[in-house]
Amino acid sequence: IALWRLSLDIVGGEFVTEIPVKVTAELLARGQTQYQVFCSPCHGRTGRGDGMITQRGFKKPSSYHVDRLRQMPIGYFYDVMTIGFGAMSDYSAQVTPEDRWAIAAYVRTLQYSQYAPAGDVPAEKHPHPAASLAKAPAPEHPPRPCPRAPPNGSSAAT
């Protein structure tokens, strides 16, 4: 694919709605790696805008999981990485066009992971409610009493 095509995030004045590269497991893995390096310090590992910078007093970026960003065309994310937005500077010098598309694809994966319809999840991956209610197995050894606790039947007052 020609580099000019990879850098096309806007066509006819509109953001592109499809990634101009084939989305594969390898592309998503590359996107995840690059996201963790360049994006997670601000956007957090899950895209909720809770990265380490917020703990250092910087403004919290928007969560990728808000409706406005979930509905944005994929070209929007590429564009923001390319030219920046608000307090976010551009990453065009640090992140190649190929990796920007990989990150954009990974961001979509993060978004989808939080809002996937139940019918899209394979039956064997559905959580089993009964399993979460099951009693935890008994420990191999009974718990030891707290050394500061009064013996059974005695008063704590002295």
N, C-alpha and C. Protein backbone atom coordinates (compact mmCIF):
# COMPACT_ATOMS: atom_id res chain seq x y z
N ILE A 1 0.86 -1.18 0.00
CA ILE A 1 0.00 0.00 0.00
C ILE A 1 0.90 1.24 0.00
N ALA A 2 0.61 2.16 -0.85
CA ALA A 2 1.40 3.37 -0.96
C ALA A 2 1.29 4.20 0.32
N LEU A 3 2.40 4.84 0.69
CA LEU A 3 2.43 5.66 1.90
C LEU A 3 1.38 6.77 1.83
N TRP A 4 1.16 7.36 0.65
CA TRP A 4 0.16 8.43 0.54
C TRP A 4 -1.22 7.92 0.93
N ARG A 5 -1.50 6.67 0.62
CA ARG A 5 -2.82 6.10 0.96
C ARG A 5 -2.93 5.89 2.47
N LEU A 6 -1.84 5.48 3.10
CA LEU A 6 -1.87 5.27 4.54
C LEU A 6 -2.08 6.57 5.29
N SER A 7 -1.61 7.66 4.74
CA SER A 7 -1.72 8.93 5.44
C SER A 7 -3.04 9.64 5.15
N LEU A 8 -3.90 9.03 4.35
CA LEU A 8 -5.19 9.63 4.03
C LEU A 8 -6.20 9.33 5.12
N ASP A 9 -6.45 10.31 5.97
CA ASP A 9 -7.44 10.13 7.01
C ASP A 9 -8.72 10.90 6.71
N ILE A 10 -8.65 11.79 5.72
CA ILE A 10 -9.82 12.58 5.32
C ILE A 10 -9.97 12.46 3.80
N VAL A 11 -11.15 12.13 3.35
CA VAL A 11 -11.44 12.05 1.92
C VAL A 11 -12.69 12.88 1.66
N GLY A 12 -12.58 13.81 0.72
CA GLY A 12 -13.73 14.65 0.40
C GLY A 12 -14.23 15.46 1.58
N GLY A 13 -13.32 15.88 2.46
CA GLY A 13 -13.71 16.67 3.62
C GLY A 13 -14.28 15.87 4.78
N GLU A 14 -14.33 14.56 4.68
CA GLU A 14 -14.86 13.69 5.74
C GLU A 14 -13.78 12.72 6.20
N PHE A 15 -13.82 12.36 7.47
CA PHE A 15 -12.89 11.35 7.97
C PHE A 15 -13.22 10.01 7.32
N VAL A 16 -12.18 9.24 7.02
CA VAL A 16 -12.42 7.92 6.44
C VAL A 16 -13.08 7.04 7.50
N THR A 17 -13.89 6.11 7.04
CA THR A 17 -14.62 5.23 7.95
C THR A 17 -14.04 3.83 8.00
N GLU A 18 -13.08 3.55 7.10
CA GLU A 18 -12.44 2.23 7.08
C GLU A 18 -10.93 2.40 7.07
N ILE A 19 -10.27 1.54 7.79
CA ILE A 19 -8.80 1.56 7.84
C ILE A 19 -8.26 1.10 6.49
N PRO A 20 -7.29 1.83 5.94
CA PRO A 20 -6.78 1.48 4.60
C PRO A 20 -5.78 0.32 4.59
N VAL A 21 -5.74 -0.45 5.65
CA VAL A 21 -4.88 -1.65 5.71
C VAL A 21 -5.74 -2.79 6.23
N LYS A 22 -5.32 -4.00 5.96
CA LYS A 22 -6.06 -5.16 6.44
C LYS A 22 -5.88 -5.29 7.96
N VAL A 23 -6.99 -5.43 8.66
CA VAL A 23 -6.94 -5.58 10.11
C VAL A 23 -6.71 -7.05 10.43
N THR A 24 -5.57 -7.32 11.03
CA THR A 24 -5.17 -8.69 11.39
C THR A 24 -4.82 -8.73 12.88
N ALA A 25 -4.63 -9.92 13.39
CA ALA A 25 -4.20 -10.07 14.78
C ALA A 25 -2.84 -9.39 14.98
N GLU A 26 -1.98 -9.47 13.98
CA GLU A 26 -0.66 -8.85 14.07
C GLU A 26 -0.78 -7.33 14.13
N LEU A 27 -1.69 -6.78 13.31
CA LEU A 27 -1.88 -5.32 13.32
C LEU A 27 -2.40 -4.88 14.68
N LEU A 28 -3.36 -5.60 15.24
CA LEU A 28 -3.90 -5.24 16.54
C LEU A 28 -2.85 -5.38 17.65
N ALA A 29 -2.01 -6.40 17.56
CA ALA A 29 -0.94 -6.58 18.55
C ALA A 29 0.04 -5.42 18.46
N ARG A 30 0.38 -5.01 17.24
CA ARG A 30 1.28 -3.86 17.05
C ARG A 30 0.60 -2.59 17.59
N GLY A 31 -0.69 -2.44 17.31
CA GLY A 31 -1.43 -1.30 17.83
C GLY A 31 -1.45 -1.25 19.34
N GLN A 32 -1.63 -2.42 19.95
CA GLN A 32 -1.63 -2.48 21.42
C GLN A 32 -0.27 -2.07 21.97
N THR A 33 0.80 -2.58 21.38
CA THR A 33 2.15 -2.24 21.84
C THR A 33 2.40 -0.75 21.72
N GLN A 34 2.08 -0.18 20.56
CA GLN A 34 2.32 1.24 20.35
C GLN A 34 1.39 2.09 21.23
N TYR A 35 0.17 1.64 21.43
CA TYR A 35 -0.77 2.34 22.31
C TYR A 35 -0.19 2.40 23.72
N GLN A 36 0.31 1.27 24.22
CA GLN A 36 0.86 1.24 25.58
C GLN A 36 2.03 2.21 25.73
N VAL A 37 2.83 2.35 24.68
CA VAL A 37 4.00 3.23 24.73
C VAL A 37 3.58 4.70 24.63
N PHE A 38 2.80 5.04 23.63
CA PHE A 38 2.53 6.44 23.31
C PHE A 38 1.22 7.00 23.88
N CYS A 39 0.23 6.17 24.12
CA CYS A 39 -1.10 6.67 24.47
C CYS A 39 -1.49 6.42 25.93
N SER A 40 -1.10 5.27 26.48
CA SER A 40 -1.57 4.92 27.82
C SER A 40 -1.10 5.86 28.92
N PRO A 41 0.05 6.56 28.79
CA PRO A 41 0.39 7.50 29.87
C PRO A 41 -0.71 8.54 30.13
N CYS A 42 -1.44 8.91 29.11
CA CYS A 42 -2.55 9.86 29.27
C CYS A 42 -3.90 9.17 29.28
N HIS A 43 -4.14 8.31 28.29
CA HIS A 43 -5.46 7.72 28.09
C HIS A 43 -5.70 6.48 28.95
N GLY A 44 -4.68 5.96 29.60
CA GLY A 44 -4.82 4.77 30.44
C GLY A 44 -4.82 3.50 29.62
N ARG A 45 -4.60 2.38 30.26
CA ARG A 45 -4.50 1.10 29.56
C ARG A 45 -5.80 0.66 28.91
N THR A 46 -6.94 1.11 29.44
CA THR A 46 -8.22 0.70 28.87
C THR A 46 -8.91 1.82 28.11
N GLY A 47 -8.25 2.98 27.98
CA GLY A 47 -8.82 4.08 27.22
C GLY A 47 -9.83 4.92 27.97
N ARG A 48 -9.82 4.86 29.28
CA ARG A 48 -10.80 5.60 30.07
C ARG A 48 -10.32 7.01 30.45
N GLY A 49 -9.12 7.38 30.00
CA GLY A 49 -8.60 8.71 30.32
C GLY A 49 -8.00 8.79 31.71
N ASP A 50 -7.59 7.66 32.25
CA ASP A 50 -7.08 7.61 33.61
C ASP A 50 -5.61 7.22 33.68
N GLY A 51 -4.83 7.72 32.74
CA GLY A 51 -3.41 7.42 32.71
C GLY A 51 -2.66 8.10 33.84
N MET A 52 -1.38 7.83 33.94
CA MET A 52 -0.54 8.36 35.02
C MET A 52 -0.49 9.89 35.05
N ILE A 53 -0.64 10.54 33.92
CA ILE A 53 -0.53 12.00 33.91
C ILE A 53 -1.59 12.66 34.78
N THR A 54 -2.75 12.03 34.89
CA THR A 54 -3.81 12.63 35.70
C THR A 54 -3.42 12.61 37.18
N GLN A 55 -2.58 11.65 37.57
CA GLN A 55 -2.11 11.59 38.95
C GLN A 55 -1.02 12.62 39.21
N ARG A 56 -0.53 13.24 38.15
CA ARG A 56 0.51 14.27 38.26
C ARG A 56 -0.07 15.67 38.07
N GLY A 57 -1.41 15.76 38.07
CA GLY A 57 -2.05 17.06 38.01
C GLY A 57 -2.42 17.56 36.63
N PHE A 58 -2.17 16.78 35.59
CA PHE A 58 -2.55 17.20 34.25
C PHE A 58 -4.02 16.94 34.01
N LYS A 59 -4.58 17.65 33.04
CA LYS A 59 -5.99 17.51 32.70
C LYS A 59 -6.27 16.09 32.20
N LYS A 60 -7.38 15.53 32.64
CA LYS A 60 -7.79 14.19 32.23
C LYS A 60 -8.31 14.22 30.80
N PRO A 61 -7.75 13.39 29.92
CA PRO A 61 -8.30 13.34 28.56
C PRO A 61 -9.64 12.62 28.55
N SER A 62 -10.39 12.83 27.50
CA SER A 62 -11.69 12.18 27.37
C SER A 62 -11.53 10.66 27.27
N SER A 63 -12.50 9.97 27.80
CA SER A 63 -12.53 8.52 27.68
C SER A 63 -12.90 8.15 26.24
N TYR A 64 -12.28 7.12 25.71
CA TYR A 64 -12.64 6.62 24.38
C TYR A 64 -14.02 5.97 24.40
N HIS A 65 -14.57 5.76 25.59
CA HIS A 65 -15.81 5.01 25.72
C HIS A 65 -17.05 5.91 25.79
N VAL A 66 -16.87 7.21 25.65
CA VAL A 66 -18.05 8.10 25.60
C VAL A 66 -18.68 7.96 24.22
N ASP A 67 -19.99 8.18 24.15
CA ASP A 67 -20.71 8.02 22.88
C ASP A 67 -20.09 8.83 21.75
N ARG A 68 -19.71 10.07 22.02
CA ARG A 68 -19.16 10.93 20.97
C ARG A 68 -17.95 10.28 20.29
N LEU A 69 -17.05 9.70 21.06
CA LEU A 69 -15.86 9.08 20.46
C LEU A 69 -16.13 7.68 19.91
N ARG A 70 -17.08 6.98 20.50
CA ARG A 70 -17.44 5.66 19.96
C ARG A 70 -18.06 5.79 18.57
N GLN A 71 -18.70 6.94 18.31
CA GLN A 71 -19.36 7.15 17.03
C GLN A 71 -18.48 7.84 16.00
N MET A 72 -17.29 8.27 16.39
CA MET A 72 -16.40 8.95 15.45
C MET A 72 -15.87 7.96 14.41
N PRO A 73 -15.72 8.42 13.18
CA PRO A 73 -15.09 7.56 12.16
C PRO A 73 -13.64 7.27 12.56
N ILE A 74 -13.12 6.16 12.10
CA ILE A 74 -11.76 5.74 12.45
C ILE A 74 -10.71 6.77 12.03
N GLY A 75 -10.97 7.48 10.94
CA GLY A 75 -10.04 8.51 10.49
C GLY A 75 -9.83 9.62 11.49
N TYR A 76 -10.81 9.85 12.36
CA TYR A 76 -10.69 10.87 13.39
C TYR A 76 -9.51 10.58 14.31
N PHE A 77 -9.38 9.34 14.75
CA PHE A 77 -8.31 8.97 15.68
C PHE A 77 -6.94 9.11 15.01
N TYR A 78 -6.86 8.70 13.76
CA TYR A 78 -5.63 8.87 12.99
C TYR A 78 -5.29 10.36 12.89
N ASP A 79 -6.29 11.18 12.60
CA ASP A 79 -6.10 12.62 12.45
C ASP A 79 -5.59 13.25 13.74
N VAL A 80 -6.17 12.88 14.86
CA VAL A 80 -5.75 13.44 16.15
C VAL A 80 -4.31 13.04 16.45
N MET A 81 -3.94 11.80 16.16
CA MET A 81 -2.54 11.39 16.37
C MET A 81 -1.61 12.16 15.44
N THR A 82 -2.08 12.53 14.27
CA THR A 82 -1.26 13.20 13.27
C THR A 82 -1.08 14.69 13.56
N ILE A 83 -2.17 15.38 13.93
CA ILE A 83 -2.06 16.83 14.11
C ILE A 83 -2.31 17.30 15.54
N GLY A 84 -2.70 16.39 16.44
CA GLY A 84 -2.98 16.76 17.82
C GLY A 84 -4.40 17.25 17.99
N PHE A 85 -4.77 17.47 19.25
CA PHE A 85 -6.11 17.98 19.56
C PHE A 85 -6.09 18.51 20.98
N GLY A 86 -6.52 19.76 21.18
CA GLY A 86 -6.55 20.34 22.52
C GLY A 86 -5.16 20.32 23.14
N ALA A 87 -5.05 19.76 24.33
CA ALA A 87 -3.77 19.69 25.04
C ALA A 87 -2.84 18.62 24.48
N MET A 88 -3.38 17.74 23.64
CA MET A 88 -2.56 16.65 23.07
C MET A 88 -1.77 17.16 21.86
N SER A 89 -0.46 17.01 21.94
CA SER A 89 0.37 17.40 20.79
C SER A 89 0.30 16.31 19.73
N ASP A 90 0.79 16.64 18.54
CA ASP A 90 0.79 15.63 17.48
C ASP A 90 1.88 14.59 17.73
N TYR A 91 1.68 13.41 17.17
CA TYR A 91 2.64 12.32 17.29
C TYR A 91 3.16 11.89 15.92
N SER A 92 3.03 12.76 14.93
CA SER A 92 3.44 12.39 13.59
C SER A 92 4.94 12.13 13.48
N ALA A 93 5.75 12.76 14.32
CA ALA A 93 7.20 12.53 14.28
C ALA A 93 7.58 11.24 15.02
N GLN A 94 6.78 10.85 16.00
CA GLN A 94 7.12 9.67 16.81
C GLN A 94 6.48 8.39 16.31
N VAL A 95 5.31 8.50 15.67
CA VAL A 95 4.55 7.31 15.29
C VAL A 95 4.34 7.32 13.78
N THR A 96 4.76 6.25 13.13
CA THR A 96 4.64 6.16 11.66
C THR A 96 3.17 6.08 11.25
N PRO A 97 2.86 6.41 9.99
CA PRO A 97 1.47 6.27 9.53
C PRO A 97 0.93 4.86 9.73
N GLU A 98 1.73 3.84 9.47
CA GLU A 98 1.28 2.46 9.65
C GLU A 98 0.91 2.20 11.11
N ASP A 99 1.74 2.69 12.02
CA ASP A 99 1.48 2.47 13.44
C ASP A 99 0.30 3.31 13.94
N ARG A 100 0.07 4.48 13.33
CA ARG A 100 -1.10 5.27 13.71
C ARG A 100 -2.39 4.52 13.36
N TRP A 101 -2.41 3.86 12.20
CA TRP A 101 -3.59 3.06 11.85
C TRP A 101 -3.71 1.86 12.78
N ALA A 102 -2.57 1.26 13.15
CA ALA A 102 -2.61 0.13 14.09
C ALA A 102 -3.17 0.57 15.43
N ILE A 103 -2.75 1.74 15.90
CA ILE A 103 -3.27 2.26 17.17
C ILE A 103 -4.75 2.56 17.04
N ALA A 104 -5.16 3.17 15.94
CA ALA A 104 -6.58 3.49 15.73
C ALA A 104 -7.41 2.20 15.77
N ALA A 105 -6.91 1.15 15.13
CA ALA A 105 -7.62 -0.14 15.16
C ALA A 105 -7.69 -0.68 16.58
N TYR A 106 -6.61 -0.53 17.34
CA TYR A 106 -6.61 -1.00 18.72
C TYR A 106 -7.58 -0.20 19.58
N VAL A 107 -7.67 1.11 19.35
CA VAL A 107 -8.62 1.94 20.09
C VAL A 107 -10.04 1.45 19.83
N ARG A 108 -10.34 1.11 18.58
CA ARG A 108 -11.67 0.56 18.26
C ARG A 108 -11.90 -0.74 19.02
N THR A 109 -10.85 -1.55 19.14
CA THR A 109 -10.96 -2.80 19.88
C THR A 109 -11.25 -2.53 21.35
N LEU A 110 -10.58 -1.52 21.92
CA LEU A 110 -10.86 -1.15 23.31
C LEU A 110 -12.32 -0.72 23.46
N GLN A 111 -12.78 0.10 22.52
CA GLN A 111 -14.17 0.55 22.58
C GLN A 111 -15.14 -0.62 22.47
N TYR A 112 -14.89 -1.49 21.53
CA TYR A 112 -15.76 -2.64 21.30
C TYR A 112 -15.77 -3.57 22.52
N SER A 113 -14.62 -3.68 23.18
CA SER A 113 -14.53 -4.59 24.33
C SER A 113 -15.48 -4.19 25.45
N GLN A 114 -15.85 -2.93 25.51
CA GLN A 114 -16.74 -2.46 26.57
C GLN A 114 -18.21 -2.46 26.17
N TYR A 115 -18.48 -2.54 24.86
CA TYR A 115 -19.86 -2.41 24.39
C TYR A 115 -20.26 -3.48 23.39
N ALA A 116 -19.57 -4.58 23.36
CA ALA A 116 -19.91 -5.65 22.42
C ALA A 116 -21.26 -6.25 22.78
N PRO A 117 -22.14 -6.45 21.80
CA PRO A 117 -23.41 -7.11 22.09
C PRO A 117 -23.16 -8.54 22.59
N ALA A 118 -23.96 -8.99 23.52
CA ALA A 118 -23.78 -10.32 24.10
C ALA A 118 -23.78 -11.40 23.02
N GLY A 119 -24.54 -11.21 21.95
CA GLY A 119 -24.59 -12.19 20.86
C GLY A 119 -23.27 -12.33 20.12
N ASP A 120 -22.39 -11.33 20.23
CA ASP A 120 -21.08 -11.40 19.57
C ASP A 120 -20.05 -12.17 20.39
N VAL A 121 -20.38 -12.46 21.64
CA VAL A 121 -19.44 -13.17 22.52
C VAL A 121 -19.73 -14.66 22.42
N PRO A 122 -18.72 -15.47 22.10
CA PRO A 122 -18.95 -16.92 22.02
C PRO A 122 -19.50 -17.47 23.33
N ALA A 123 -20.40 -18.43 23.23
CA ALA A 123 -21.08 -18.99 24.42
C ALA A 123 -20.09 -19.46 25.48
N GLU A 124 -18.97 -20.05 25.06
CA GLU A 124 -18.01 -20.56 26.05
C GLU A 124 -17.29 -19.43 26.79
N LYS A 125 -17.41 -18.20 26.29
CA LYS A 125 -16.77 -17.05 26.95
C LYS A 125 -17.74 -16.27 27.83
N HIS A 126 -19.03 -16.64 27.79
CA HIS A 126 -20.00 -15.95 28.64
C HIS A 126 -19.71 -16.26 30.10
N PRO A 127 -19.83 -15.25 30.96
CA PRO A 127 -19.64 -15.53 32.38
C PRO A 127 -20.81 -16.38 32.89
N HIS A 128 -20.53 -17.26 33.79
CA HIS A 128 -21.56 -18.12 34.37
C HIS A 128 -21.92 -17.55 35.73
N PRO A 129 -23.13 -16.99 35.88
CA PRO A 129 -23.51 -16.37 37.16
C PRO A 129 -23.36 -17.32 38.34
N ALA A 130 -23.68 -18.57 38.16
CA ALA A 130 -23.59 -19.53 39.27
C ALA A 130 -22.14 -19.68 39.74
N ALA A 131 -21.19 -19.54 38.82
CA ALA A 131 -19.79 -19.69 39.21
C ALA A 131 -19.36 -18.58 40.16
N SER A 132 -19.89 -17.37 39.96
CA SER A 132 -19.49 -16.28 40.84
C SER A 132 -20.14 -16.40 42.21
N LEU A 133 -21.24 -17.16 42.29
CA LEU A 133 -21.92 -17.35 43.57
C LEU A 133 -21.42 -18.58 44.32
N ALA A 134 -20.64 -19.40 43.64
CA ALA A 134 -20.16 -20.62 44.27
C ALA A 134 -19.26 -20.29 45.47
N LYS A 135 -19.34 -21.16 46.46
CA LYS A 135 -18.53 -20.96 47.66
C LYS A 135 -17.06 -21.21 47.33
N ALA A 136 -16.24 -20.36 47.85
CA ALA A 136 -14.80 -20.54 47.65
C ALA A 136 -14.36 -21.82 48.36
N PRO A 137 -13.38 -22.52 47.82
CA PRO A 137 -12.92 -23.74 48.47
C PRO A 137 -12.33 -23.43 49.85
N ALA A 138 -12.51 -24.38 50.76
CA ALA A 138 -11.99 -24.22 52.11
C ALA A 138 -10.46 -24.21 52.06
N PRO A 139 -9.83 -23.39 52.88
CA PRO A 139 -8.36 -23.37 52.90
C PRO A 139 -7.82 -24.70 53.40
N GLU A 140 -6.60 -25.01 52.98
CA GLU A 140 -5.96 -26.26 53.42
C GLU A 140 -5.77 -26.27 54.92
N HIS A 141 -5.41 -25.14 55.46
CA HIS A 141 -5.17 -25.02 56.90
C HIS A 141 -6.16 -24.00 57.46
N PRO A 142 -6.74 -24.28 58.62
CA PRO A 142 -7.67 -23.29 59.20
C PRO A 142 -6.91 -22.01 59.51
N PRO A 143 -7.58 -20.86 59.46
CA PRO A 143 -6.90 -19.61 59.76
C PRO A 143 -6.39 -19.61 61.20
N ARG A 144 -5.26 -19.01 61.39
CA ARG A 144 -4.68 -18.90 62.74
C ARG A 144 -5.33 -17.72 63.45
N PRO A 145 -5.57 -17.83 64.76
CA PRO A 145 -6.17 -16.70 65.48
C PRO A 145 -5.21 -15.53 65.53
N CYS A 146 -5.78 -14.36 65.61
CA CYS A 146 -4.98 -13.15 65.72
C CYS A 146 -4.30 -13.16 67.08
N PRO A 147 -3.01 -12.87 67.16
CA PRO A 147 -2.32 -12.94 68.46
C PRO A 147 -2.84 -11.91 69.46
N ARG A 148 -3.48 -10.86 69.01
CA ARG A 148 -3.99 -9.84 69.93
C ARG A 148 -5.42 -10.11 70.36
N ALA A 149 -6.06 -11.10 69.77
CA ALA A 149 -7.46 -11.40 70.12
C ALA A 149 -7.48 -12.12 71.45
N PRO A 150 -8.50 -11.78 72.27
CA PRO A 150 -8.61 -12.49 73.57
C PRO A 150 -9.00 -13.94 73.33
N PRO A 151 -8.59 -14.82 74.21
CA PRO A 151 -8.97 -16.24 74.06
C PRO A 151 -10.51 -16.36 74.07
N ASN A 152 -11.01 -17.42 73.46
CA ASN A 152 -12.47 -17.64 73.41
C ASN A 152 -13.06 -17.62 74.80
N GLY A 153 -14.15 -16.88 74.95
CA GLY A 153 -14.88 -16.85 76.21
C GLY A 153 -14.36 -15.84 77.20
N SER A 154 -13.22 -15.22 76.96
CA SER A 154 -12.70 -14.26 77.96
C SER A 154 -13.02 -12.83 77.50
N SER A 155 -12.98 -11.94 78.41
CA SER A 155 -13.30 -10.53 78.12
C SER A 155 -12.05 -9.81 77.68
N ALA A 156 -12.22 -8.84 76.82
CA ALA A 156 -11.08 -8.07 76.34
C ALA A 156 -10.67 -7.06 77.38
N ALA A 157 -11.56 -6.72 78.29
CA ALA A 157 -11.23 -5.71 79.32
C ALA A 157 -10.33 -6.33 80.35
N THR A 158 -9.38 -5.55 80.86
CA THR A 158 -8.48 -6.09 81.89
C THR A 158 -8.68 -5.39 83.19
